[in-house]
Protein backbone atom coordinates (compact mmCIF):
# COMPACT_ATOMS: atom_id res chain seq x y z
CA UNK A 1 -20.77 31.10 -36.57
CA UNK A 2 -23.53 30.47 -34.07
CA UNK A 3 -24.05 27.44 -31.87
CA UNK A 4 -25.16 24.19 -33.50
CA UNK A 5 -27.96 22.28 -31.89
CA UNK A 6 -28.65 18.58 -32.27
CA UNK A 7 -32.00 19.12 -34.03
CA UNK A 8 -30.41 21.36 -36.65
CA UNK A 9 -27.68 18.84 -37.47
CA UNK A 10 -30.23 16.18 -38.40
CA UNK A 11 -32.12 18.60 -40.64
CA UNK A 12 -28.90 19.65 -42.34
CA UNK A 13 -27.89 16.06 -43.05
CA UNK A 14 -31.38 15.25 -44.30
CA UNK A 15 -31.36 18.25 -46.65
CA UNK A 16 -27.92 17.23 -47.91
CA UNK A 17 -29.08 13.66 -48.60
CA UNK A 18 -32.20 14.92 -50.33
CA UNK A 19 -30.10 17.27 -52.46
CA UNK A 20 -27.71 14.45 -53.41
CA UNK A 21 -30.66 12.24 -54.31
CA UNK A 22 -32.05 14.91 -56.68
CA UNK A 23 -28.64 15.45 -58.27
CA UNK A 24 -28.23 11.70 -58.81
CA UNK A 25 -31.74 11.42 -60.25
CA UNK A 26 -31.17 14.37 -62.60
CA UNK A 27 -27.85 12.87 -63.76
CA UNK A 28 -29.41 9.49 -64.48
CA UNK A 29 -32.34 11.06 -66.34
CA UNK A 30 -29.98 13.20 -68.43
CA UNK A 31 -27.90 10.12 -69.30
CA UNK A 32 -30.93 8.03 -70.28
CA UNK A 33 -32.37 10.89 -72.31
CA UNK A 34 -29.12 11.49 -74.19
CA UNK A 35 -28.60 7.80 -74.98
CA UNK A 36 -32.22 7.41 -76.10
CA UNK A 37 -32.02 10.54 -78.24
CA UNK A 38 -28.87 9.25 -79.94
CA UNK A 39 -30.57 5.91 -80.62
CA UNK A 40 -33.63 7.63 -82.10
CA UNK A 41 -31.48 9.83 -84.34
CA UNK A 42 -29.52 6.80 -85.58
CA UNK A 43 -32.72 4.84 -86.20
CA UNK A 44 -34.18 7.70 -88.25
CA UNK A 45 -30.95 8.11 -90.20
CA UNK A 46 -30.62 4.42 -91.04
CA UNK A 47 -34.30 4.00 -91.92
CA UNK A 48 -34.72 7.11 -94.07
CA UNK A 49 -31.38 8.34 -95.45
CA UNK A 50 -28.78 5.57 -95.52
CA UNK A 51 -28.33 3.67 -98.77
CA UNK A 52 -26.10 0.59 -98.57
């Protein structure tokens, strides 16, 4: 492992934070999409197919 310089440490931390931000954003978007998709499927089912 080579020497670590102060400038490289900051870039590494910044890249790590940016990566974590994208992972968090992707997770939130996947959650919202899945919940919305389930709600849409239930709304279609109850409006078109369900007979009380």
